Amino acid sequence: ARLEPFYADWDSAGRNGSFEQHLVGKKHEVANALLAVTDERARQSHGTVRKTYEKLRPQGEKNVEAAVPGLATIIDRHVS
């Protein structure tokens, strides 16, 4: 569901290039969209869990951004 807006954007733009290229070109936005799931869960947590998540979130964003190309490759196989 978090990647659906990226697919819709790519599709409405005439599917220029592969979906993989589209996601990699927007890896920062894709990472933040995916991390929004854990952001919501962290907001519902209390105390130590929330504080720990907030401290680790920036590093998590970097790690998810680094994983976007691999994720995009897998998704593109099923979209094409």
C-alpha atoms as a PDB file:
ATOM      1  CA  ALA A   1       0.000   0.000   0.000  1.00  0.00           C
ATOM      2  CA  ARG A   2       2.878   2.382   0.760  1.00  0.00           C
ATOM      3  CA  LEU A   3       4.353   1.882  -2.700  1.00  0.00           C
ATOM      4  CA  GLU A   4       1.063   2.232  -4.575  1.00  0.00           C
ATOM      5  CA  PRO A   5       1.413   6.033  -5.020  1.00  0.00           C
ATOM      6  CA  PHE A   6       4.816   5.494  -6.643  1.00  0.00           C
ATOM      7  CA  TYR A   7       3.325   2.941  -9.028  1.00  0.00           C
ATOM      8  CA  ALA A   8       0.436   5.270  -9.875  1.00  0.00           C
ATOM      9  CA  ASP A   9       2.882   8.111 -10.541  1.00  0.00           C
ATOM     10  CA  TRP A  10       5.013   5.908 -12.815  1.00  0.00           C
ATOM     11  CA  ASP A  11       1.936   4.544 -14.587  1.00  0.00           C
ATOM     12  CA  SER A  12       0.378   7.973 -15.149  1.00  0.00           C
ATOM     13  CA  ALA A  13       3.689   9.271 -16.529  1.00  0.00           C
ATOM     14  CA  GLY A  14       3.462   6.717 -19.326  1.00  0.00           C
ATOM     15  CA  ARG A  15       5.706   4.103 -17.722  1.00  0.00           C
ATOM     16  CA  ASN A  16       8.825   5.913 -18.866  1.00  0.00           C
ATOM     17  CA  GLY A  17      11.693   3.585 -18.017  1.00  0.00           C
ATOM     18  CA  SER A  18      11.273   0.661 -15.681  1.00  0.00           C
ATOM     19  CA  PHE A  19       9.452   0.794 -12.392  1.00  0.00           C
ATOM     20  CA  GLU A  20      12.815  -0.102 -10.851  1.00  0.00           C
ATOM     21  CA  GLN A  21      14.381   3.052 -12.277  1.00  0.00           C
ATOM     22  CA  HIS A  22      11.441   5.069 -11.016  1.00  0.00           C
ATOM     23  CA  LEU A  23      11.789   3.749  -7.452  1.00  0.00           C
ATOM     24  CA  VAL A  24      15.566   4.126  -7.383  1.00  0.00           C
ATOM     25  CA  GLY A  25      15.202   7.715  -8.582  1.00  0.00           C
ATOM     26  CA  LYS A  26      12.941   8.395  -5.626  1.00  0.00           C
ATOM     27  CA  LYS A  27      14.734   6.231  -3.068  1.00  0.00           C
ATOM     28  CA  HIS A  28      14.578   8.881  -0.328  1.00  0.00           C
ATOM     29  CA  GLU A  29      10.819   9.230  -0.713  1.00  0.00           C
ATOM     30  CA  VAL A  30      10.368   5.454  -1.010  1.00  0.00           C
ATOM     31  CA  ALA A  31      12.379   4.862   2.167  1.00  0.00           C
ATOM     32  CA  ASN A  32      10.299   7.379   4.086  1.00  0.00           C
ATOM     33  CA  ALA A  33       7.064   5.893   2.778  1.00  0.00           C
ATOM     34  CA  LEU A  34       8.115   2.429   3.935  1.00  0.00           C
ATOM     35  CA  LEU A  35       9.358   3.697   7.282  1.00  0.00           C
ATOM     36  CA  ALA A  36       6.031   5.451   7.851  1.00  0.00           C
ATOM     37  CA  VAL A  37       4.699   2.047   8.927  1.00  0.00           C
ATOM     38  CA  THR A  38       7.140   1.816  11.824  1.00  0.00           C
ATOM     39  CA  ASP A  39       6.829   5.548  12.499  1.00  0.00           C
ATOM     40  CA  GLU A  40       3.132   5.036  13.222  1.00  0.00           C
ATOM     41  CA  ARG A  41       3.837   2.070  15.493  1.00  0.00           C
ATOM     42  CA  ALA A  42       6.553   3.986  17.335  1.00  0.00           C
ATOM     43  CA  ARG A  43       4.161   6.888  17.963  1.00  0.00           C
ATOM     44  CA  GLN A  44       1.819   4.440  19.665  1.00  0.00           C
ATOM     45  CA  SER A  45       4.631   3.123  21.881  1.00  0.00           C
ATOM     46  CA  HIS A  46       5.637   4.602  25.179  1.00  0.00           C
ATOM     47  CA  GLY A  47       8.800   5.721  26.850  1.00  0.00           C
ATOM     48  CA  THR A  48      11.994   3.848  26.101  1.00  0.00           C
ATOM     49  CA  VAL A  49      10.742   2.136  22.941  1.00  0.00           C
ATOM     50  CA  ARG A  50       9.692   5.411  21.318  1.00  0.00           C
ATOM     51  CA  LYS A  51      12.865   7.246  22.377  1.00  0.00           C
ATOM     52  CA  THR A  52      15.083   4.437  21.106  1.00  0.00           C
ATOM     53  CA  TYR A  53      13.244   4.352  17.779  1.00  0.00           C
ATOM     54  CA  GLU A  54      13.587   8.118  17.382  1.00  0.00           C
ATOM     55  CA  LYS A  55      17.347   7.872  17.945  1.00  0.00           C
ATOM     56  CA  LEU A  56      17.738   5.011  15.454  1.00  0.00           C
ATOM     57  CA  ARG A  57      15.320   6.333  12.805  1.00  0.00           C
ATOM     58  CA  PRO A  58      17.923   8.379  10.851  1.00  0.00           C
ATOM     59  CA  GLN A  59      20.234   5.374  10.502  1.00  0.00           C
ATOM     60  CA  GLY A  60      17.252   3.210   9.598  1.00  0.00           C
ATOM     61  CA  GLU A  61      16.374   5.632   6.822  1.00  0.00           C
ATOM     62  CA  LYS A  62      19.882   5.294   5.371  1.00  0.00           C
ATOM     63  CA  ASN A  63      19.641   1.496   5.533  1.00  0.00           C
ATOM     64  CA  VAL A  64      16.237   1.407   3.845  1.00  0.00           C
ATOM     65  CA  GLU A  65      17.441   3.814   1.137  1.00  0.00           C
ATOM     66  CA  ALA A  66      20.362   1.473   0.496  1.00  0.00           C
ATOM     67  CA  ALA A  67      17.926  -1.448   0.160  1.00  0.00           C
ATOM     68  CA  VAL A  68      15.588   0.303  -2.312  1.00  0.00           C
ATOM     69  CA  PRO A  69      17.514  -0.775  -5.463  1.00  0.00           C
ATOM     70  CA  GLY A  70      17.304  -4.460  -4.477  1.00  0.00           C
ATOM     71  CA  LEU A  71      13.648  -4.142  -3.523  1.00  0.00           C
ATOM     72  CA  ALA A  72      12.951  -2.299  -6.778  1.00  0.00           C
ATOM     73  CA  THR A  73      14.611  -5.087  -8.790  1.00  0.00           C
ATOM     74  CA  ILE A  74      12.360  -7.691  -7.179  1.00  0.00           C
ATOM     75  CA  ILE A  75       9.206  -5.623  -7.649  1.00  0.00           C
ATOM     76  CA  ASP A  76      10.091  -4.766 -11.256  1.00  0.00           C
ATOM     77  CA  ARG A  77      10.230  -8.469 -12.142  1.00  0.00           C
ATOM     78  CA  HIS A  78       6.572  -8.770 -11.232  1.00  0.00           C
ATOM     79  CA  VAL A  79       5.427  -5.460 -12.723  1.00  0.00           C
ATOM     80  CA  SER A  80       6.968  -5.833 -16.168  1.00  0.00           C
END
